[in-house]
Protein backbone atom coordinates (compact mmCIF):
# COMPACT_ATOMS: atom_id res chain seq x y z
CA ILE A 1 88.30 72.07 102.89
CA VAL A 2 86.16 75.18 102.28
CA GLU A 3 84.55 77.33 104.99
CA PRO A 4 82.34 79.80 103.05
CA GLU A 5 81.28 81.75 106.13
CA LYS A 6 84.95 82.51 106.90
CA HIS A 7 85.95 82.97 103.23
CA ARG A 8 88.61 80.36 103.89
CA ALA A 9 90.02 77.32 102.09
CA TYR A 10 92.72 75.11 103.56
CA CYS A 11 94.28 71.65 103.48
CA LYS A 12 93.30 69.06 106.08
CA PRO A 13 94.83 65.61 106.68
CA ILE A 14 92.59 62.84 105.34
CA SER A 15 92.51 61.20 108.77
CA ALA A 16 91.10 64.44 110.26
CA VAL A 17 88.24 64.90 107.75
CA LYS A 18 84.83 64.81 109.46
CA LYS A 19 81.25 64.39 108.35
CA GLY A 20 79.91 67.75 107.21
CA ASP A 21 83.24 69.14 105.92
CA LEU A 22 82.91 70.82 102.53
CA ILE A 23 85.53 69.35 100.20
CA VAL A 24 86.48 70.62 96.75
CA VAL A 25 85.86 67.89 94.16
CA GLY A 26 86.01 67.61 90.38
CA GLN A 27 88.85 67.97 87.91
CA ARG A 28 89.34 71.75 87.83
CA GLY A 29 91.23 71.75 91.12
CA VAL A 30 92.48 74.63 93.23
CA ARG A 31 95.43 76.78 92.26
CA VAL A 32 97.84 77.33 95.13
CA LYS A 33 100.48 80.03 94.90
CA HIS A 34 103.21 79.61 97.50
CA PRO A 35 105.56 82.45 98.51
CA GLU A 36 108.56 82.90 96.25
CA ARG A 37 112.06 83.11 97.60
CA PRO A 38 113.45 86.64 97.41
CA ARG A 39 115.57 87.21 94.33
CA GLU A 40 117.93 89.54 96.16
CA GLY A 41 119.42 89.60 99.63
CA LEU A 42 122.23 88.26 101.74
CA GLY A 43 120.36 85.83 103.98
CA VAL A 44 121.01 82.10 103.94
CA PHE A 45 117.72 81.38 102.17
CA GLU A 46 118.54 83.80 99.36
CA PHE A 47 122.11 82.57 99.04
CA MET A 48 121.18 78.88 98.99
CA ASN A 49 118.44 78.93 96.36
CA SER A 50 120.52 77.01 93.82
CA ASP A 51 120.57 73.24 93.33
CA VAL A 52 121.64 70.97 96.16
CA SER A 53 125.39 70.51 96.08
CA PRO A 54 128.23 69.63 98.46
CA GLU A 55 130.19 72.48 96.88
CA LYS A 56 128.91 75.13 99.27
CA PRO A 57 130.92 77.28 101.72
CA VAL A 58 129.64 75.49 104.84
CA THR A 59 131.30 77.77 107.41
CA SER A 60 129.74 80.96 106.05
CA LEU A 61 126.36 79.24 105.68
CA ILE A 62 126.46 78.10 109.30
CA ARG A 63 127.26 81.67 110.35
CA GLU A 64 124.15 82.86 108.50
CA ILE A 65 122.01 80.09 110.01
CA ALA A 66 123.18 81.05 113.51
CA ARG A 67 122.27 84.66 112.81
CA SER A 68 118.79 83.60 111.65
CA LEU A 69 118.30 81.41 114.73
CA LYS A 70 119.32 84.22 117.07
CA GLU A 71 116.94 86.58 115.28
CA ARG A 72 113.99 84.19 115.52
CA ALA A 73 114.69 83.21 119.11
CA GLY A 74 114.96 86.88 120.03
CA ASN A 75 111.60 87.62 118.40
CA GLY A 76 109.83 84.72 120.10
CA GLY A 77 109.83 82.49 117.01
CA LYS A 78 109.42 78.75 117.44
CA ILE A 79 112.38 76.55 116.43
CA VAL A 80 111.72 72.84 115.88
CA VAL A 81 114.48 70.25 115.47
CA VAL A 82 113.97 66.94 113.64
CA ALA A 83 116.85 64.60 114.42
CA GLY A 84 118.00 61.09 113.55
CA PRO A 85 120.27 58.71 115.49
CA ALA A 86 123.28 59.74 113.36
CA VAL A 87 123.46 62.77 115.66
CA ILE A 88 124.57 60.35 118.38
CA HIS A 89 126.74 58.08 116.21
CA THR A 90 128.78 61.05 114.95
CA GLY A 91 129.44 62.36 118.47
CA ALA A 92 127.29 65.47 117.98
CA ALA A 93 124.85 64.80 120.85
CA PRO A 94 126.58 67.19 123.32
CA TYR A 95 126.18 70.02 120.82
CA LEU A 96 122.47 69.43 120.27
CA ALA A 97 122.11 69.22 124.05
CA ARG A 98 123.92 72.55 124.31
CA MET A 99 121.51 74.11 121.78
CA ILE A 100 118.62 73.02 123.99
CA GLU A 101 120.38 74.47 127.04
CA LEU A 102 120.91 77.78 125.21
CA GLY A 103 117.21 77.97 124.33
CA TYR A 104 117.45 77.37 120.58
CA VAL A 105 115.19 74.30 120.55
CA ASP A 106 111.48 74.71 121.31
CA SER A 107 110.46 71.20 120.26
CA LEU A 108 112.18 68.00 119.14
CA LEU A 109 110.71 65.39 116.80
CA SER A 110 112.30 62.00 116.26
CA GLY A 111 111.90 58.28 116.86
CA ASN A 112 112.85 55.61 119.35
CA ALA A 113 116.44 55.24 118.10
CA LEU A 114 117.57 58.79 118.92
CA ALA A 115 116.37 58.46 122.51
CA VAL A 116 117.87 54.99 123.06
CA HIS A 117 121.27 55.91 121.61
CA ASP A 118 121.38 59.26 123.43
CA ILE A 119 120.63 57.66 126.79
CA GLU A 120 123.09 54.82 126.09
CA SER A 121 125.73 57.44 125.33
CA ALA A 122 124.96 59.28 128.57
CA LEU A 123 124.95 56.13 130.73
CA TYR A 124 127.74 54.09 129.15
CA GLY A 125 129.64 56.37 126.75
CA THR A 126 128.73 54.13 123.81
CA SER A 127 126.29 54.07 120.90
CA LEU A 128 125.20 50.57 119.86
CA GLY A 129 128.05 49.37 122.05
CA VAL A 130 130.70 51.40 120.21
CA ASP A 131 132.87 53.78 122.24
CA LEU A 132 132.24 57.26 120.83
CA GLU A 133 135.73 58.44 121.77
CA ASN A 134 137.79 55.86 119.88
CA SER A 135 135.22 54.01 117.69
CA ARG A 136 136.06 50.73 119.42
CA VAL A 137 133.40 48.09 120.17
CA VAL A 138 133.09 47.93 123.95
CA ASN A 139 129.89 46.08 124.82
CA PRO A 140 127.01 45.50 122.37
CA ARG A 141 124.78 44.68 125.36
CA ASN A 142 124.77 48.36 126.39
CA HIS A 143 121.99 49.03 123.88
CA ILE A 144 119.58 46.55 125.48
CA ALA A 145 120.76 47.47 128.99
CA THR A 146 119.79 51.09 128.28
CA ILE A 147 116.28 50.11 127.19
CA ASN A 148 115.91 47.98 130.33
CA GLN A 149 117.06 50.87 132.53
CA VAL A 150 114.37 53.16 131.10
CA LEU A 151 111.67 50.49 131.26
CA LYS A 152 112.61 49.76 134.88
CA ALA A 153 112.39 53.46 135.76
CA GLY A 154 109.04 53.74 133.96
CA SER A 155 109.97 56.60 131.63
CA ILE A 156 112.83 58.81 130.50
CA LYS A 157 111.52 61.54 132.79
CA GLU A 158 111.71 59.22 135.80
CA LEU A 159 115.27 58.26 134.86
CA VAL A 160 116.13 61.97 135.12
CA ARG A 161 114.19 62.44 138.34
CA ASN A 162 115.91 59.53 140.09
CA GLY A 163 119.32 60.95 139.18
CA LYS A 164 120.48 58.18 136.85
CA LEU A 165 120.33 60.27 133.67
CA THR A 166 122.40 63.41 134.21
CA LYS A 167 123.43 64.54 130.74
CA GLY A 168 122.58 64.33 127.06
CA ILE A 169 119.84 65.52 124.73
CA PHE A 170 116.89 64.05 126.60
CA TYR A 171 118.24 65.15 129.96
CA GLN A 172 118.30 68.74 128.69
CA LEU A 173 114.84 68.41 127.09
CA ILE A 174 113.32 67.29 130.38
CA LYS A 175 115.35 69.71 132.51
CA HIS A 176 114.22 72.69 130.40
CA ASP A 177 110.68 71.38 129.86
CA VAL A 178 111.05 71.27 126.07
CA PRO A 179 108.35 69.08 124.45
CA PHE A 180 109.36 66.13 122.30
CA VAL A 181 107.50 63.52 120.25
CA LEU A 182 108.97 60.10 119.45
CA ALA A 183 107.18 58.33 116.59
CA GLY A 184 107.35 54.55 116.72
CA SER A 185 108.00 52.07 113.92
CA ILE A 186 107.82 48.32 113.43
CA ARG A 187 111.61 47.97 113.77
CA ASP A 188 111.98 49.65 117.19
CA ASP A 189 113.88 47.97 120.01
CA GLY A 190 111.88 48.22 123.21
CA PRO A 191 110.40 50.66 122.48
CA LEU A 192 110.84 53.24 125.23
CA PRO A 193 107.68 54.22 127.16
CA GLU A 194 107.47 57.70 125.60
CA VAL A 195 107.38 56.33 122.04
CA VAL A 196 104.00 56.80 120.34
CA LYS A 197 103.19 53.44 118.79
CA CYS A 198 100.12 54.48 116.77
CA SER A 199 101.23 56.16 113.52
CA ASN A 200 98.04 58.26 113.24
CA GLU A 201 98.51 59.54 116.78
CA ALA A 202 102.20 60.24 116.12
CA GLN A 203 101.24 62.25 113.02
CA ARG A 204 98.72 64.24 115.04
CA LEU A 205 101.27 65.03 117.75
CA TYR A 206 103.91 65.98 115.15
CA ARG A 207 101.41 68.37 113.54
CA GLU A 208 100.62 69.91 116.91
CA GLN A 209 104.29 70.72 117.40
CA VAL A 210 104.92 72.17 113.93
CA LYS A 211 101.66 74.08 113.37
CA ASP A 212 103.15 77.32 114.76
CA ALA A 213 106.80 76.65 113.86
CA ASP A 214 108.87 79.42 112.28
CA PHE A 215 112.12 77.54 111.70
CA VAL A 216 112.77 73.80 111.34
CA ILE A 217 116.22 72.20 111.43
CA MET A 218 116.37 68.66 110.03
CA LEU A 219 119.42 66.70 111.11
CA ALA A 220 120.34 63.43 109.37
CA SER A 221 116.90 61.82 109.35
CA THR A 222 115.44 60.96 105.95
CA LEU A 223 112.12 59.46 107.03
CA HIS A 224 111.25 61.95 109.76
CA SER A 225 112.46 64.91 107.70
CA ILE A 226 110.24 64.02 104.74
CA ALA A 227 107.29 63.32 107.05
CA VAL A 228 107.65 66.68 108.80
CA GLY A 229 108.27 68.49 105.51
CA ASN A 230 104.87 67.32 104.30
CA MET A 231 103.25 68.90 107.37
CA LEU A 232 104.76 72.37 107.07
CA SER A 233 103.30 75.47 105.47
CA SER A 234 105.33 77.27 102.82
CA ARG A 235 106.13 80.17 105.19
CA VAL A 236 108.29 77.97 107.45
CA LYS A 237 112.04 78.19 106.91
CA ILE A 238 113.71 74.78 106.71
CA ILE A 239 117.36 73.81 106.97
CA CYS A 240 118.08 70.18 106.08
CA VAL A 241 121.53 68.85 106.98
CA ASP A 242 122.56 65.47 105.63
CA ILE A 243 125.66 63.81 104.22
CA ASN A 244 123.45 62.44 101.42
CA PRO A 245 122.32 65.05 98.83
CA ALA A 246 119.39 62.78 97.88
CA VAL A 247 117.62 63.56 101.17
CA VAL A 248 117.11 67.23 100.31
CA THR A 249 116.22 66.29 96.74
CA LYS A 250 113.53 63.94 98.05
CA LEU A 251 112.15 66.74 100.24
CA SER A 252 111.82 69.02 97.21
CA ASP A 253 110.37 66.26 95.02
CA ARG A 254 107.64 65.66 97.60
CA GLY A 255 106.60 69.30 97.64
CA THR A 256 108.80 70.91 100.30
CA SER A 257 110.23 73.50 97.94
CA GLN A 258 111.29 75.90 100.71
CA ALA A 259 113.84 73.44 102.14
CA VAL A 260 117.46 74.55 101.98
CA GLY A 261 120.03 71.78 102.01
CA ILE A 262 123.53 71.62 103.44
CA VAL A 263 125.42 68.53 102.35
CA THR A 264 127.77 67.77 105.21
CA ASP A 265 128.26 65.46 108.17
CA VAL A 266 125.99 66.42 111.07
CA GLY A 267 128.96 65.71 113.36
CA THR A 268 130.76 68.61 111.68
CA PHE A 269 127.74 70.90 111.35
CA LEU A 270 126.49 70.99 114.95
CA PRO A 271 129.81 71.89 116.67
CA LEU A 272 130.30 74.77 114.23
CA LEU A 273 126.71 75.96 114.69
CA VAL A 274 126.93 75.90 118.49
CA ASN A 275 130.23 77.77 118.33
CA GLU A 276 128.50 80.54 116.34
CA LEU A 277 125.46 80.58 118.65
CA GLU A 278 127.68 81.05 121.71
CA LYS A 279 129.43 84.11 120.27
């Protein structure tokens, strides 16, 4: 989109294009030069500018990430977390909840599954009916019982207000008034009342949350990570944590060249990160 009076050209989602917008057409195209990564320096983004690989010193990288988060939080920067349900399955939910409590999460983007499994974990101590302490199947009905509890209350927020939800990621989000957006999909159970069922509306709300982001942490969520990566400007620093190296590769292949990948289990990453943040 071109705005001649403002000497400005920018990208706009197709769904947001309106009658009267001036759009560049033809085959010559527009050359876009994104910021290069510094060639020298000791920061995590300078150190990690090689190919994605599990052969990275994770502990030292996490220390650098914690330093960057503290710096941005101290300067009023916005930190957005994109998280998948593996955060719950791996037992890392208390650590993400602690990050929210410490003030290192300004917005959370995810889907129905993260919320359902987090609340199930808080209410019953299970995720999909599996005890998170000993990995033993306890009661598969807990998953549906959780959805029914939220639907009966009317919303996640009401479940907190009536005192039934007293811990977990979404408890901390609501307690500290941190905004979150849950994008729906055709495979959702329920879904929970807060889930945005229209994909166009979910995209719009995601964009609202990331438009002024300074730092994005992507935790074990291929679909949401790639979706958010496509919405970010090249100035935003991105950390993508996944046990599968292909996730970060896909991010880069789809244009998110500023993403830095850490190939490790999110259940290992988050406890170490919180430990560094609390120092």
